Amino acid sequence: MFRSMKYASILVALAIPAAALAHHGWSGYDEAKIIKHTAPLKDLTWGNPHGMAKVAYLGKEWVVVLAPTTRMESRGLTQAMLAPNKAVTIEGYARSDGTPEMRIERVTAEGKTVELR
């Protein structure tokens, strides 16, 4: 019994850092360089831990990191407002390492601006 508990404890200890690495932190984004871009989002994922989408920006396809869906909905931003072919304005920050990914701070859709953070 003690031996299996020891192994279980080791597995839990190893799993915690792996879970932490699976979710990225915000320190990898350059808050000194604000991006403001108007375009339709595509490949929208309305889910947790946060929504994701893609957008064409600077000749590349960028990943757009949104907020958790419950936060967006509680602030009045719905999945329908971000539907494909609807132009939205996104404001946020690019990844510091040059990866074409941006963390979005606010979205303007259908004339409504929603703060995501």
C-alpha atoms as a PDB file:
ATOM      1  CA  MET A   1       0.000   0.000   0.000  1.00  0.00           C
ATOM      2  CA  PHE A   2       2.742   2.471   0.991  1.00  0.00           C
ATOM      3  CA  ARG A   3       4.667   1.723  -2.185  1.00  0.00           C
ATOM      4  CA  SER A   4       1.659   2.427  -4.462  1.00  0.00           C
ATOM      5  CA  MET A   5       0.951   5.669  -2.576  1.00  0.00           C
ATOM      6  CA  LYS A   6       4.561   6.697  -3.099  1.00  0.00           C
ATOM      7  CA  TYR A   7       4.271   6.127  -6.846  1.00  0.00           C
ATOM      8  CA  ALA A   8       0.950   7.951  -6.964  1.00  0.00           C
ATOM      9  CA  SER A   9       2.537  10.926  -5.204  1.00  0.00           C
ATOM     10  CA  ILE A  10       5.393  10.936  -7.703  1.00  0.00           C
ATOM     11  CA  LEU A  11       2.945  10.857 -10.628  1.00  0.00           C
ATOM     12  CA  VAL A  12       0.957  13.762  -9.199  1.00  0.00           C
ATOM     13  CA  ALA A  13       4.154  15.757  -8.621  1.00  0.00           C
ATOM     14  CA  LEU A  14       5.194  15.188 -12.230  1.00  0.00           C
ATOM     15  CA  ALA A  15       1.752  15.990 -13.624  1.00  0.00           C
ATOM     16  CA  ILE A  16       1.449  19.431 -12.006  1.00  0.00           C
ATOM     17  CA  PRO A  17       4.375  21.050 -13.894  1.00  0.00           C
ATOM     18  CA  ALA A  18       3.212  19.401 -17.137  1.00  0.00           C
ATOM     19  CA  ALA A  19      -0.253  20.904 -16.708  1.00  0.00           C
ATOM     20  CA  ALA A  20       1.247  24.310 -15.981  1.00  0.00           C
ATOM     21  CA  LEU A  21       3.313  24.160 -19.172  1.00  0.00           C
ATOM     22  CA  ALA A  22       0.295  23.138 -21.240  1.00  0.00           C
ATOM     23  CA  HIS A  23      -1.279  26.553 -20.644  1.00  0.00           C
ATOM     24  CA  HIS A  24       0.865  29.461 -21.717  1.00  0.00           C
ATOM     25  CA  GLY A  25       1.335  32.534 -19.587  1.00  0.00           C
ATOM     26  CA  TRP A  26       0.966  36.114 -20.721  1.00  0.00           C
ATOM     27  CA  SER A  27       4.614  37.088 -20.156  1.00  0.00           C
ATOM     28  CA  GLY A  28       5.520  35.869 -23.661  1.00  0.00           C
ATOM     29  CA  TYR A  29       3.658  38.754 -25.316  1.00  0.00           C
ATOM     30  CA  ASP A  30       5.143  42.169 -26.088  1.00  0.00           C
ATOM     31  CA  GLU A  31       2.835  44.692 -24.417  1.00  0.00           C
ATOM     32  CA  ALA A  32       4.922  47.578 -25.798  1.00  0.00           C
ATOM     33  CA  LYS A  33       3.716  46.820 -29.341  1.00  0.00           C
ATOM     34  CA  ILE A  34      -0.036  47.157 -29.633  1.00  0.00           C
ATOM     35  CA  ILE A  35      -1.733  45.546 -32.626  1.00  0.00           C
ATOM     36  CA  LYS A  36      -5.042  46.944 -33.833  1.00  0.00           C
ATOM     37  CA  HIS A  37      -6.458  45.113 -36.824  1.00  0.00           C
ATOM     38  CA  THR A  38      -9.849  44.903 -38.524  1.00  0.00           C
ATOM     39  CA  ALA A  39     -10.674  41.710 -40.411  1.00  0.00           C
ATOM     40  CA  PRO A  40     -12.983  38.713 -40.190  1.00  0.00           C
ATOM     41  CA  LEU A  41     -11.873  35.954 -37.837  1.00  0.00           C
ATOM     42  CA  LYS A  42     -11.801  32.376 -39.075  1.00  0.00           C
ATOM     43  CA  ASP A  43     -11.588  28.945 -37.486  1.00  0.00           C
ATOM     44  CA  LEU A  44     -13.209  30.240 -34.300  1.00  0.00           C
ATOM     45  CA  THR A  45     -13.078  27.860 -31.334  1.00  0.00           C
ATOM     46  CA  TRP A  46     -15.578  28.836 -28.648  1.00  0.00           C
ATOM     47  CA  GLY A  47     -14.259  26.871 -25.690  1.00  0.00           C
ATOM     48  CA  ASN A  48     -12.172  26.799 -22.573  1.00  0.00           C
ATOM     49  CA  PRO A  49      -9.656  27.519 -21.166  1.00  0.00           C
ATOM     50  CA  HIS A  50     -10.131  30.372 -23.698  1.00  0.00           C
ATOM     51  CA  GLY A  51     -11.462  30.966 -27.168  1.00  0.00           C
ATOM     52  CA  MET A  52      -9.153  30.824 -30.161  1.00  0.00           C
ATOM     53  CA  ALA A  53      -9.405  31.958 -33.765  1.00  0.00           C
ATOM     54  CA  LYS A  54      -7.236  32.771 -36.746  1.00  0.00           C
ATOM     55  CA  VAL A  55      -6.898  35.995 -38.716  1.00  0.00           C
ATOM     56  CA  ALA A  56      -4.930  37.145 -41.737  1.00  0.00           C
ATOM     57  CA  TYR A  57      -2.420  39.798 -40.636  1.00  0.00           C
ATOM     58  CA  LEU A  58       0.798  41.058 -42.257  1.00  0.00           C
ATOM     59  CA  GLY A  59       0.608  38.404 -44.973  1.00  0.00           C
ATOM     60  CA  LYS A  60       0.421  35.500 -42.519  1.00  0.00           C
ATOM     61  CA  GLU A  61      -2.231  33.549 -40.686  1.00  0.00           C
ATOM     62  CA  TRP A  62      -2.090  34.493 -37.014  1.00  0.00           C
ATOM     63  CA  VAL A  63      -3.523  32.625 -34.042  1.00  0.00           C
ATOM     64  CA  VAL A  64      -5.795  34.849 -31.964  1.00  0.00           C
ATOM     65  CA  VAL A  65      -6.003  34.053 -28.230  1.00  0.00           C
ATOM     66  CA  LEU A  66      -9.295  35.270 -26.797  1.00  0.00           C
ATOM     67  CA  ALA A  67     -10.685  35.105 -23.243  1.00  0.00           C
ATOM     68  CA  PRO A  68     -12.648  32.294 -21.594  1.00  0.00           C
ATOM     69  CA  THR A  69     -16.101  31.992 -23.138  1.00  0.00           C
ATOM     70  CA  THR A  70     -17.902  32.710 -19.876  1.00  0.00           C
ATOM     71  CA  ARG A  71     -16.036  36.010 -19.531  1.00  0.00           C
ATOM     72  CA  MET A  72     -16.757  37.027 -23.133  1.00  0.00           C
ATOM     73  CA  GLU A  73     -20.437  36.156 -22.807  1.00  0.00           C
ATOM     74  CA  SER A  74     -20.825  37.891 -19.434  1.00  0.00           C
ATOM     75  CA  ARG A  75     -19.430  41.062 -21.038  1.00  0.00           C
ATOM     76  CA  GLY A  76     -21.769  40.851 -24.011  1.00  0.00           C
ATOM     77  CA  LEU A  77     -19.580  39.236 -26.680  1.00  0.00           C
ATOM     78  CA  THR A  78     -21.268  36.247 -28.299  1.00  0.00           C
ATOM     79  CA  GLN A  79     -20.008  33.581 -30.643  1.00  0.00           C
ATOM     80  CA  ALA A  80     -22.353  34.905 -33.344  1.00  0.00           C
ATOM     81  CA  MET A  81     -20.657  38.332 -33.171  1.00  0.00           C
ATOM     82  CA  LEU A  82     -17.343  36.688 -34.174  1.00  0.00           C
ATOM     83  CA  ALA A  83     -18.810  34.512 -36.934  1.00  0.00           C
ATOM     84  CA  PRO A  84     -16.769  34.034 -40.133  1.00  0.00           C
ATOM     85  CA  ASN A  85     -17.019  36.805 -42.736  1.00  0.00           C
ATOM     86  CA  LYS A  86     -17.998  39.408 -40.119  1.00  0.00           C
ATOM     87  CA  ALA A  87     -15.326  42.082 -39.801  1.00  0.00           C
ATOM     88  CA  VAL A  88     -14.240  42.720 -36.223  1.00  0.00           C
ATOM     89  CA  THR A  89     -11.538  44.938 -34.768  1.00  0.00           C
ATOM     90  CA  ILE A  90      -9.128  43.203 -32.440  1.00  0.00           C
ATOM     91  CA  GLU A  91      -6.588  44.920 -30.202  1.00  0.00           C
ATOM     92  CA  GLY A  92      -3.813  43.135 -28.393  1.00  0.00           C
ATOM     93  CA  TYR A  93      -0.188  42.079 -28.349  1.00  0.00           C
ATOM     94  CA  ALA A  94       2.033  39.833 -30.477  1.00  0.00           C
ATOM     95  CA  ARG A  95       4.175  37.031 -29.113  1.00  0.00           C
ATOM     96  CA  SER A  96       7.667  38.261 -28.259  1.00  0.00           C
ATOM     97  CA  ASP A  97       9.364  35.324 -29.960  1.00  0.00           C
ATOM     98  CA  GLY A  98       8.011  36.156 -33.427  1.00  0.00           C
ATOM     99  CA  THR A  99       5.409  33.387 -33.509  1.00  0.00           C
ATOM    100  CA  PRO A 100       2.370  34.701 -35.441  1.00  0.00           C
ATOM    101  CA  GLU A 101       0.086  34.717 -32.411  1.00  0.00           C
ATOM    102  CA  MET A 102      -1.638  37.573 -30.635  1.00  0.00           C
ATOM    103  CA  ARG A 103      -3.254  37.902 -27.220  1.00  0.00           C
ATOM    104  CA  ILE A 104      -6.395  39.972 -27.595  1.00  0.00           C
ATOM    105  CA  GLU A 105      -7.292  42.599 -24.985  1.00  0.00           C
ATOM    106  CA  ARG A 106     -10.439  43.972 -26.628  1.00  0.00           C
ATOM    107  CA  VAL A 107     -12.754  43.196 -29.505  1.00  0.00           C
ATOM    108  CA  THR A 108     -15.108  45.531 -31.329  1.00  0.00           C
ATOM    109  CA  ALA A 109     -17.900  43.653 -33.066  1.00  0.00           C
ATOM    110  CA  GLU A 110     -21.256  44.903 -34.303  1.00  0.00           C
ATOM    111  CA  GLY A 111     -20.424  48.363 -32.925  1.00  0.00           C
ATOM    112  CA  LYS A 112     -19.757  47.082 -29.391  1.00  0.00           C
ATOM    113  CA  THR A 113     -16.296  47.141 -27.748  1.00  0.00           C
ATOM    114  CA  VAL A 114     -15.671  44.408 -25.188  1.00  0.00           C
ATOM    115  CA  GLU A 115     -12.689  44.294 -22.818  1.00  0.00           C
ATOM    116  CA  LEU A 116     -11.451  40.712 -22.547  1.00  0.00           C
ATOM    117  CA  ARG A 117      -8.894  40.917 -19.707  1.00  0.00           C
END
